[in-house]
Amino acid sequence: MQNFEKFDMKKPPVRTRWYLRPLTYILSMPDVWKHKNKLTKVGTEELKPPFVLLCNHNAFMDFKVATKAIFPWRANYVVAIDGFIGREKLLRDVGCICKRKFTNDVILVKQLMRTIKNGDVAIIYPEARYSLCGTTAVLPESLGKLCKLLKAPVVTLICHGHHVNSPFWNLHDRKVRPTEAEFKMLFTAEELQSESVDDINKKIVEAFQYDDFAWQKEKGIRITYKKRAEGLHKVLYQCPKCMTEFKMSSEGTVLRCNACGKEWEMSELSELKAKDGETEFSHIPDWYEWERANVRKEVENGTYSSGELPVKVNSLPNAKKFIYLGEGTMIHDGNGFLVKGIDVDGDPFEMKKTVPSLYSCHIEYEYLGKFGDCVDLNTLEDTWYIYPDPEKCEFSVTKMALATEELFYHYRRESK
């Protein structure tokens, strides 16, 4: 296997170049204005940097609203390595700090400490991925400890409307407006020091409770996009009527099970209704949580396994480009992830991610519009994008993401 140059994670974060600060605002504002974003500030009247800003994550619009919320202050943003591809210098110059997802990164902690020491805003998206169905993704339990360590005020920015406007499973802009955001003081620096890590985590989790589909229905916002259901089968991969997995499809405004033939219509308020018979779930997140409960049963019964899936693997050791590693197999089961194969030079490759080492994982649907669905797994020095072959196996990366979380929860329960 060839040795490739690794991304320099130790390079100190750049304080946003003075000439880029107004530019980031100018580039962000057209979309913010187009969606008539309403930003409400709560308890931040006297706020000044340095502080930690924790943001929820549903779409690229989140970054633009964050720019609006903090302008004209400087910030360093934690960004996944794939965001740096082909534009490393630009992202470093606007203040981005690179992170490989779902890794325990001591260097990142040092970078954030430097940001606070510089008197700037440390912007973190602790869900570490776009929400799959517009509800809160799992948060790392290390978050409270990090906030306490940084010894700076903690502010949250919770956006509403970005998922229903441009859902992870179909990124087309649906012209939702107005969107909303709440910029709220959660802890002063003094309050942080008197709170326990558990209490800090609890309050952060409470602040991060959101449901974009419930928000849409409450606001009565109608989406007339004719293909609004397309891609939804990526998230809702199991039929609640016949229980079959991996046979769902979607087209236009219709979600369909190709095993039993049942169909559901997605309304302009993003509610589902069965064309015939019972509507098992009208609220999309309820269907998703039902799938999670089914995965949990498999985990608890010791029967969960993806089986051995034929895969192709791309590596991302740096921010220049993806490197095709080779073909192999992936198994996800009660032991975690095991990926192995032979690279293009004929050498073996392998990555293991045990259950205790991974509280969640990142997935992509139709990555970059040409690569298909994938799971990405990370070490501190490399990121592998792993693509099961849809011609040779049945699978759902959504189920793998749910199982990763449920396996971790099960491990923690068992270990008390």
Protein backbone atom coordinates (compact mmCIF):
# COMPACT_ATOMS: atom_id res chain seq x y z
CA MET A 1 0.00 0.00 0.00
CA GLN A 2 1.35 3.42 -0.97
CA ASN A 3 2.09 6.02 1.68
CA PHE A 4 0.31 9.28 0.96
CA GLU A 5 0.82 12.71 2.45
CA LYS A 6 -1.43 13.19 5.48
CA PHE A 7 -3.45 16.29 6.27
CA ASP A 8 -1.57 18.51 8.74
CA MET A 9 -3.97 18.49 11.68
CA LYS A 10 -1.46 20.19 14.00
CA LYS A 11 -1.21 23.41 12.00
CA PRO A 12 -2.54 26.22 14.25
CA PRO A 13 -5.97 27.61 13.30
CA VAL A 14 -5.89 30.86 11.35
CA ARG A 15 -7.74 33.87 12.69
CA THR A 16 -10.09 34.79 9.83
CA ARG A 17 -8.23 37.05 7.40
CA TRP A 18 -9.49 40.62 7.75
CA TYR A 19 -10.43 40.85 4.06
CA LEU A 20 -12.48 37.63 4.21
CA ARG A 21 -14.68 38.63 7.15
CA PRO A 22 -17.00 40.92 5.13
CA LEU A 23 -16.82 38.49 2.19
CA THR A 24 -18.19 35.57 4.24
CA TYR A 25 -21.09 37.81 5.26
CA ILE A 26 -21.76 39.00 1.71
CA LEU A 27 -21.74 35.42 0.36
CA SER A 28 -24.04 34.16 3.11
CA MET A 29 -26.67 36.87 3.12
CA PRO A 30 -28.46 36.26 -0.23
CA ASP A 31 -29.68 32.81 0.91
CA VAL A 32 -30.46 34.07 4.41
CA TRP A 33 -32.55 36.90 2.94
CA LYS A 34 -34.17 34.62 0.32
CA HIS A 35 -35.45 32.36 3.09
CA LYS A 36 -36.42 35.37 5.24
CA ASN A 37 -34.59 33.92 8.23
CA LYS A 38 -35.83 35.18 11.60
CA LEU A 39 -33.00 35.22 14.15
CA THR A 40 -34.07 35.52 17.79
CA LYS A 41 -31.46 36.34 20.41
CA VAL A 42 -32.03 35.21 23.99
CA GLY A 43 -29.78 36.36 26.83
CA THR A 44 -26.97 37.41 24.48
CA GLU A 45 -27.38 41.20 24.68
CA GLU A 46 -24.08 41.66 26.51
CA LEU A 47 -22.29 38.77 24.82
CA LYS A 48 -18.83 39.31 23.38
CA PRO A 49 -16.14 36.83 22.25
CA PRO A 50 -14.59 34.59 23.24
CA PHE A 51 -17.38 32.01 23.50
CA VAL A 52 -18.32 28.55 22.28
CA LEU A 53 -21.18 28.33 19.77
CA LEU A 54 -22.93 24.95 19.51
CA CYS A 55 -25.08 24.64 16.38
CA ASN A 56 -27.53 22.01 15.17
CA HIS A 57 -26.90 20.62 11.70
CA ASN A 58 -29.48 20.07 8.97
CA ALA A 59 -28.15 21.70 5.82
CA PHE A 60 -25.46 24.02 4.45
CA MET A 61 -27.75 26.95 5.33
CA ASP A 62 -26.74 26.38 8.98
CA PHE A 63 -23.31 27.88 8.24
CA LYS A 64 -24.82 30.95 6.59
CA VAL A 65 -27.15 31.66 9.51
CA ALA A 66 -24.23 31.21 11.92
CA THR A 67 -22.30 33.81 9.92
CA LYS A 68 -25.23 36.20 10.31
CA ALA A 69 -25.50 35.50 14.04
CA ILE A 70 -21.87 36.27 14.91
CA PHE A 71 -20.94 38.97 12.37
CA PRO A 72 -18.59 40.88 12.60
CA TRP A 73 -16.72 38.71 15.10
CA ARG A 74 -13.97 36.30 14.10
CA ALA A 75 -14.58 32.57 14.42
CA ASN A 76 -12.94 29.20 13.95
CA TYR A 77 -15.26 26.52 12.58
CA VAL A 78 -14.81 22.79 13.08
CA VAL A 79 -15.24 21.22 9.62
CA ALA A 80 -14.93 17.61 8.43
CA ILE A 81 -12.01 16.83 6.16
CA ASP A 82 -14.14 16.26 3.04
CA GLY A 83 -15.15 19.92 3.27
CA PHE A 84 -11.51 20.85 2.62
CA ILE A 85 -11.17 18.92 -0.66
CA GLY A 86 -9.65 21.21 -3.30
CA ARG A 87 -9.93 24.33 -1.13
CA GLU A 88 -7.74 23.79 1.89
CA LYS A 89 -6.07 27.21 1.81
CA LEU A 90 -9.36 29.08 1.49
CA LEU A 91 -10.97 27.18 4.35
CA ARG A 92 -7.96 27.65 6.59
CA ASP A 93 -7.95 31.38 5.78
CA VAL A 94 -11.61 31.79 6.79
CA GLY A 95 -10.82 30.03 10.07
CA CYS A 96 -11.79 26.39 9.58
CA ILE A 97 -10.30 23.63 11.74
CA CYS A 98 -10.19 20.14 10.25
CA LYS A 99 -11.72 17.16 12.06
CA ARG A 100 -12.11 13.49 11.15
CA LYS A 101 -15.61 12.47 12.21
CA PHE A 102 -16.29 10.42 15.33
CA THR A 103 -12.66 10.23 16.47
CA ASN A 104 -11.25 11.21 19.86
CA ASP A 105 -9.00 14.05 18.78
CA VAL A 106 -6.81 15.66 21.43
CA ILE A 107 -5.33 18.00 18.82
CA LEU A 108 -8.77 19.47 18.12
CA VAL A 109 -9.18 20.31 21.81
CA LYS A 110 -5.88 22.20 21.72
CA GLN A 111 -6.98 24.05 18.57
CA LEU A 112 -10.23 25.13 20.22
CA MET A 113 -8.36 26.26 23.32
CA ARG A 114 -6.22 28.42 21.05
CA THR A 115 -9.37 29.90 19.47
CA ILE A 116 -10.70 30.91 22.89
CA LYS A 117 -7.28 32.26 23.92
CA ASN A 118 -7.28 34.40 20.74
CA GLY A 119 -10.56 35.95 21.87
CA ASP A 120 -12.63 34.45 19.04
CA VAL A 121 -15.75 32.28 18.61
CA ALA A 122 -15.32 28.49 18.54
CA ILE A 123 -18.12 27.13 16.33
CA ILE A 124 -18.91 23.44 16.76
CA TYR A 125 -21.56 21.24 15.12
CA PRO A 126 -21.62 18.50 17.76
CA GLU A 127 -24.05 16.24 15.85
CA ALA A 128 -21.15 15.88 13.37
CA ARG A 129 -23.44 15.20 10.39
CA TYR A 130 -26.63 16.41 8.78
CA SER A 131 -29.70 15.09 10.59
CA LEU A 132 -31.24 12.20 8.63
CA CYS A 133 -34.85 13.18 9.29
CA GLY A 134 -34.82 16.66 10.81
CA THR A 135 -34.56 15.60 14.45
CA THR A 136 -31.71 15.67 16.95
CA ALA A 137 -28.79 13.38 16.14
CA VAL A 138 -26.79 11.78 18.95
CA LEU A 139 -24.45 14.12 20.85
CA PRO A 140 -21.06 13.05 22.24
CA GLU A 141 -20.90 12.71 26.01
CA SER A 142 -17.48 14.40 25.90
CA LEU A 143 -19.19 17.68 24.97
CA GLY A 144 -19.81 18.80 28.56
CA LYS A 145 -16.22 18.09 29.52
CA LEU A 146 -14.98 20.09 26.51
CA CYS A 147 -17.15 23.09 27.39
CA LYS A 148 -15.94 23.03 30.98
CA LEU A 149 -12.33 22.81 29.80
CA LEU A 150 -12.65 25.80 27.44
CA LYS A 151 -13.87 28.03 30.32
CA ALA A 152 -15.85 30.33 28.02
CA PRO A 153 -19.55 31.11 27.72
CA VAL A 154 -21.57 28.49 25.81
CA VAL A 155 -24.18 29.68 23.32
CA THR A 156 -26.50 27.56 21.16
CA LEU A 157 -27.77 28.27 17.66
CA ILE A 158 -30.75 26.05 16.84
CA CYS A 159 -32.10 26.49 13.32
CA HIS A 160 -35.57 25.45 12.16
CA GLY A 161 -36.65 24.86 8.57
CA HIS A 162 -33.34 23.94 7.00
CA HIS A 163 -34.07 20.20 6.87
CA VAL A 164 -37.52 20.51 5.32
CA ASN A 165 -36.08 23.08 2.90
CA SER A 166 -33.17 20.88 1.78
CA PRO A 167 -33.30 17.41 3.39
CA PHE A 168 -30.19 15.26 3.51
CA TRP A 169 -31.91 12.65 1.32
CA ASN A 170 -32.78 15.15 -1.45
CA LEU A 171 -30.88 18.42 -1.36
CA HIS A 172 -33.11 20.36 -3.78
CA ASP A 173 -33.99 23.80 -2.38
CA ARG A 174 -37.74 23.82 -1.63
CA LYS A 175 -37.90 27.61 -1.07
CA VAL A 176 -39.12 27.29 2.54
CA ARG A 177 -39.65 30.66 4.20
CA PRO A 178 -39.47 32.07 6.69
CA THR A 179 -36.91 29.88 8.43
CA GLU A 180 -36.10 30.53 12.08
CA ALA A 181 -33.12 30.36 14.42
CA GLU A 182 -32.59 30.91 18.13
CA PHE A 183 -29.26 32.30 19.35
CA LYS A 184 -29.32 31.59 23.08
CA MET A 185 -26.97 31.91 26.04
CA LEU A 186 -26.79 28.50 27.70
CA PHE A 187 -23.99 29.01 30.25
CA THR A 188 -21.87 31.93 31.33
CA ALA A 189 -18.23 31.11 32.02
CA GLU A 190 -18.96 31.35 35.76
CA GLU A 191 -21.98 29.02 35.57
CA LEU A 192 -19.92 26.42 33.71
CA GLN A 193 -17.42 26.10 36.51
CA SER A 194 -20.10 25.42 39.14
CA GLU A 195 -21.96 22.82 37.01
CA SER A 196 -21.07 19.13 36.81
CA VAL A 197 -20.22 17.61 33.42
CA ASP A 198 -23.39 15.50 33.57
CA ASP A 199 -25.56 18.55 34.23
CA ILE A 200 -23.88 20.46 31.40
CA ASN A 201 -24.54 17.58 29.02
CA LYS A 202 -28.14 17.32 30.16
CA LYS A 203 -28.79 21.01 29.52
CA ILE A 204 -27.12 20.86 26.08
CA VAL A 205 -29.23 17.84 25.11
CA GLU A 206 -32.38 19.68 26.22
CA ALA A 207 -31.38 22.72 24.14
CA PHE A 208 -30.84 20.51 21.08
CA GLN A 209 -34.33 19.00 21.02
CA TYR A 210 -35.90 19.93 17.67
CA ASP A 211 -38.15 18.40 15.01
CA ASP A 212 -38.20 20.15 11.66
CA PHE A 213 -41.29 18.31 10.38
CA ALA A 214 -43.27 19.19 13.51
CA TRP A 215 -42.04 22.80 13.14
CA GLN A 216 -43.23 22.89 9.51
CA LYS A 217 -46.71 21.64 10.43
CA GLU A 218 -46.94 24.05 13.36
CA LYS A 219 -46.08 26.97 11.07
CA GLY A 220 -48.36 25.73 8.27
CA ILE A 221 -45.59 25.98 5.68
CA ARG A 222 -46.57 24.19 2.47
CA ILE A 223 -43.98 22.69 0.13
CA THR A 224 -45.23 22.45 -3.45
CA TYR A 225 -42.08 20.84 -4.88
CA LYS A 226 -43.34 18.01 -7.14
CA LYS A 227 -40.54 15.61 -6.17
CA ARG A 228 -40.72 16.21 -2.44
CA ALA A 229 -40.78 12.49 -1.52
CA GLU A 230 -37.91 11.42 -3.79
CA GLY A 231 -35.06 10.03 -1.75
CA LEU A 232 -37.15 9.49 1.39
CA HIS A 233 -36.79 5.72 1.00
CA LYS A 234 -33.13 6.14 1.91
CA VAL A 235 -34.24 7.01 5.46
CA LEU A 236 -37.45 4.96 5.61
CA TYR A 237 -35.94 1.68 4.42
CA GLN A 238 -38.38 -0.74 6.14
CA CYS A 239 -42.05 -1.25 5.30
CA PRO A 240 -44.31 -1.05 8.38
CA LYS A 241 -46.98 -3.17 6.69
CA CYS A 242 -45.02 -6.25 5.57
CA MET A 243 -41.84 -5.53 7.63
CA THR A 244 -39.61 -6.07 4.57
CA GLU A 245 -36.32 -4.16 4.57
CA PHE A 246 -34.42 -2.60 1.65
CA LYS A 247 -37.36 -2.77 -0.82
CA MET A 248 -38.65 0.78 -0.45
CA SER A 249 -38.56 3.28 -3.31
CA SER A 250 -39.79 6.82 -3.90
CA GLU A 251 -40.89 8.90 -6.86
CA GLY A 252 -42.53 12.30 -7.08
CA THR A 253 -44.69 12.60 -3.97
CA VAL A 254 -45.06 8.83 -3.40
CA LEU A 255 -43.20 6.43 -1.09
CA ARG A 256 -43.65 2.78 -2.08
CA CYS A 257 -42.85 -0.72 -0.79
CA ASN A 258 -41.86 -2.85 -3.76
CA ALA A 259 -42.37 -6.04 -1.73
CA CYS A 260 -46.07 -5.67 -0.82
CA GLY A 261 -47.01 -2.76 -3.08
CA LYS A 262 -48.27 -0.40 -0.38
CA GLU A 263 -47.93 3.32 -1.15
CA TRP A 264 -47.94 6.51 0.91
CA GLU A 265 -48.51 10.05 -0.39
CA MET A 266 -46.41 12.90 1.02
CA SER A 267 -48.52 16.03 1.49
CA GLU A 268 -47.45 19.65 1.12
CA LEU A 269 -47.12 19.70 4.92
CA SER A 270 -44.74 16.68 4.70
CA GLU A 271 -47.28 14.33 6.27
CA LEU A 272 -47.60 10.77 4.98
CA LYS A 273 -50.93 9.15 4.17
CA ALA A 274 -51.47 5.60 2.95
CA LYS A 275 -53.22 5.43 -0.41
CA ASP A 276 -55.07 2.35 0.83
CA GLY A 277 -55.62 1.02 4.34
CA GLU A 278 -54.05 2.14 7.57
CA THR A 279 -51.57 5.02 7.75
CA GLU A 280 -49.01 3.49 10.09
CA PHE A 281 -46.96 6.67 10.46
CA SER A 282 -48.02 10.10 9.24
CA HIS A 283 -45.05 11.79 10.94
CA ILE A 284 -41.75 10.90 9.22
CA PRO A 285 -39.59 10.91 12.41
CA ASP A 286 -42.02 8.42 14.02
CA TRP A 287 -41.35 5.94 11.19
CA TYR A 288 -37.61 6.50 11.61
CA GLU A 289 -37.76 5.88 15.38
CA TRP A 290 -39.83 2.72 14.75
CA GLU A 291 -36.97 1.47 12.58
CA ARG A 292 -34.54 2.30 15.37
CA ALA A 293 -36.63 0.29 17.84
CA ASN A 294 -36.54 -2.70 15.47
CA VAL A 295 -32.75 -2.43 15.19
CA ARG A 296 -32.52 -2.22 18.98
CA LYS A 297 -34.38 -5.53 19.27
CA GLU A 298 -31.88 -7.18 16.89
CA VAL A 299 -28.97 -5.78 18.89
CA GLU A 300 -30.42 -6.94 22.20
CA ASN A 301 -31.19 -10.40 20.75
CA GLY A 302 -27.66 -10.68 19.35
CA THR A 303 -28.98 -11.16 15.82
CA TYR A 304 -27.96 -7.87 14.20
CA SER A 305 -25.59 -8.26 11.25
CA SER A 306 -25.23 -6.60 7.89
CA GLY A 307 -23.78 -9.82 6.50
CA GLU A 308 -20.60 -9.73 4.44
CA LEU A 309 -21.03 -6.95 1.90
CA PRO A 310 -18.83 -6.54 -1.20
CA VAL A 311 -17.48 -2.99 -1.16
CA LYS A 312 -15.24 -0.50 -2.91
CA VAL A 313 -13.13 1.78 -0.72
CA ASN A 314 -11.89 5.31 -1.31
CA SER A 315 -9.30 6.85 1.00
CA LEU A 316 -8.99 10.53 1.97
CA PRO A 317 -5.61 10.94 3.72
CA ASN A 318 -5.41 14.63 2.78
CA ALA A 319 -7.56 17.37 1.24
CA LYS A 320 -6.32 16.97 -2.32
CA LYS A 321 -8.60 14.23 -3.66
CA PHE A 322 -10.06 10.79 -3.01
CA ILE A 323 -7.72 7.88 -3.68
CA TYR A 324 -9.21 4.59 -4.81
CA LEU A 325 -7.93 2.00 -2.37
CA GLY A 326 -9.45 -1.16 -3.79
CA GLU A 327 -12.20 -3.76 -3.43
CA GLY A 328 -13.00 -5.79 -0.35
CA THR A 329 -15.71 -6.69 2.13
CA MET A 330 -17.41 -5.02 5.06
CA ILE A 331 -19.21 -6.63 7.98
CA HIS A 332 -21.12 -4.70 10.62
CA ASP A 333 -22.31 -6.75 13.59
CA GLY A 334 -22.05 -7.09 17.36
CA ASN A 335 -18.26 -6.70 17.10
CA GLY A 336 -18.45 -3.40 15.23
CA PHE A 337 -17.17 -2.68 11.72
CA LEU A 338 -14.60 -4.82 9.91
CA VAL A 339 -13.44 -3.69 6.47
CA LYS A 340 -10.74 -5.59 4.62
CA GLY A 341 -9.59 -6.22 1.10
CA ILE A 342 -6.77 -5.98 -1.42
CA ASP A 343 -5.60 -2.59 -2.69
CA VAL A 344 -4.68 -1.66 -6.26
CA ASP A 345 -1.04 -2.62 -5.56
CA GLY A 346 -2.04 -6.09 -4.41
CA ASP A 347 -1.44 -5.38 -0.72
CA PRO A 348 -4.00 -6.17 2.00
CA PHE A 349 -5.85 -3.39 3.82
CA GLU A 350 -8.00 -3.56 6.95
CA MET A 351 -9.85 -1.27 9.35
CA LYS A 352 -11.61 -2.34 12.54
CA LYS A 353 -13.91 -0.09 14.53
CA THR A 354 -15.06 -1.78 17.72
CA VAL A 355 -18.44 -1.06 19.30
CA PRO A 356 -17.00 0.91 22.28
CA SER A 357 -14.91 3.08 19.93
CA LEU A 358 -17.84 4.40 17.88
CA TYR A 359 -20.93 6.02 19.42
CA SER A 360 -22.24 6.92 15.94
CA CYS A 361 -21.06 6.94 12.33
CA HIS A 362 -21.34 9.14 9.30
CA ILE A 363 -23.17 8.01 6.16
CA GLU A 364 -23.84 9.55 2.77
CA TYR A 365 -26.61 9.03 0.21
CA GLU A 366 -25.58 9.06 -3.47
CA TYR A 367 -22.35 10.78 -2.45
CA LEU A 368 -21.45 13.65 -4.79
CA GLY A 369 -24.21 12.44 -7.09
CA LYS A 370 -22.15 9.62 -8.60
CA PHE A 371 -20.59 7.34 -5.98
CA GLY A 372 -23.68 5.82 -4.33
CA ASP A 373 -24.51 5.29 -0.64
CA CYS A 374 -21.60 4.85 1.74
CA VAL A 375 -20.36 4.63 5.29
CA ASP A 376 -17.28 6.64 6.18
CA LEU A 377 -14.98 5.39 8.92
CA ASN A 378 -12.09 7.34 10.36
CA THR A 379 -8.79 7.00 12.09
CA LEU A 380 -6.83 10.04 13.22
CA GLU A 381 -4.82 9.88 9.98
CA ASP A 382 -7.22 8.63 7.33
CA THR A 383 -10.86 8.52 6.27
CA TRP A 384 -12.31 5.62 4.30
CA TYR A 385 -15.47 6.02 2.23
CA ILE A 386 -16.88 2.50 1.92
CA TYR A 387 -19.43 1.77 -0.83
CA PRO A 388 -21.40 -1.50 -0.74
CA ASP A 389 -22.22 -2.76 -4.24
CA PRO A 390 -26.01 -2.41 -4.79
CA GLU A 391 -25.81 -4.88 -7.71
CA LYS A 392 -24.46 -7.63 -5.47
CA CYS A 393 -26.15 -7.12 -2.08
CA GLU A 394 -29.07 -5.60 -0.24
CA PHE A 395 -28.27 -3.07 2.48
CA SER A 396 -29.15 0.25 4.06
CA VAL A 397 -26.50 2.63 5.35
CA THR A 398 -29.26 4.19 7.47
CA LYS A 399 -29.72 0.89 9.28
CA MET A 400 -25.95 0.69 9.84
CA ALA A 401 -25.99 4.19 11.35
CA LEU A 402 -28.86 3.29 13.66
CA ALA A 403 -27.18 0.01 14.59
CA THR A 404 -23.90 1.77 15.39
CA GLU A 405 -25.69 3.91 17.96
CA GLU A 406 -27.79 1.07 19.37
CA LEU A 407 -24.76 -1.23 19.66
CA PHE A 408 -22.94 1.49 21.60
CA TYR A 409 -25.94 2.10 23.89
CA HIS A 410 -26.27 -1.66 24.46
CA TYR A 411 -22.56 -1.92 25.31
CA ARG A 412 -22.88 0.93 27.80
CA ARG A 413 -25.97 -0.60 29.42
CA GLU A 414 -24.28 -3.98 29.69
CA SER A 415 -21.14 -2.44 31.19
CA LYS A 416 -23.30 -0.32 33.53
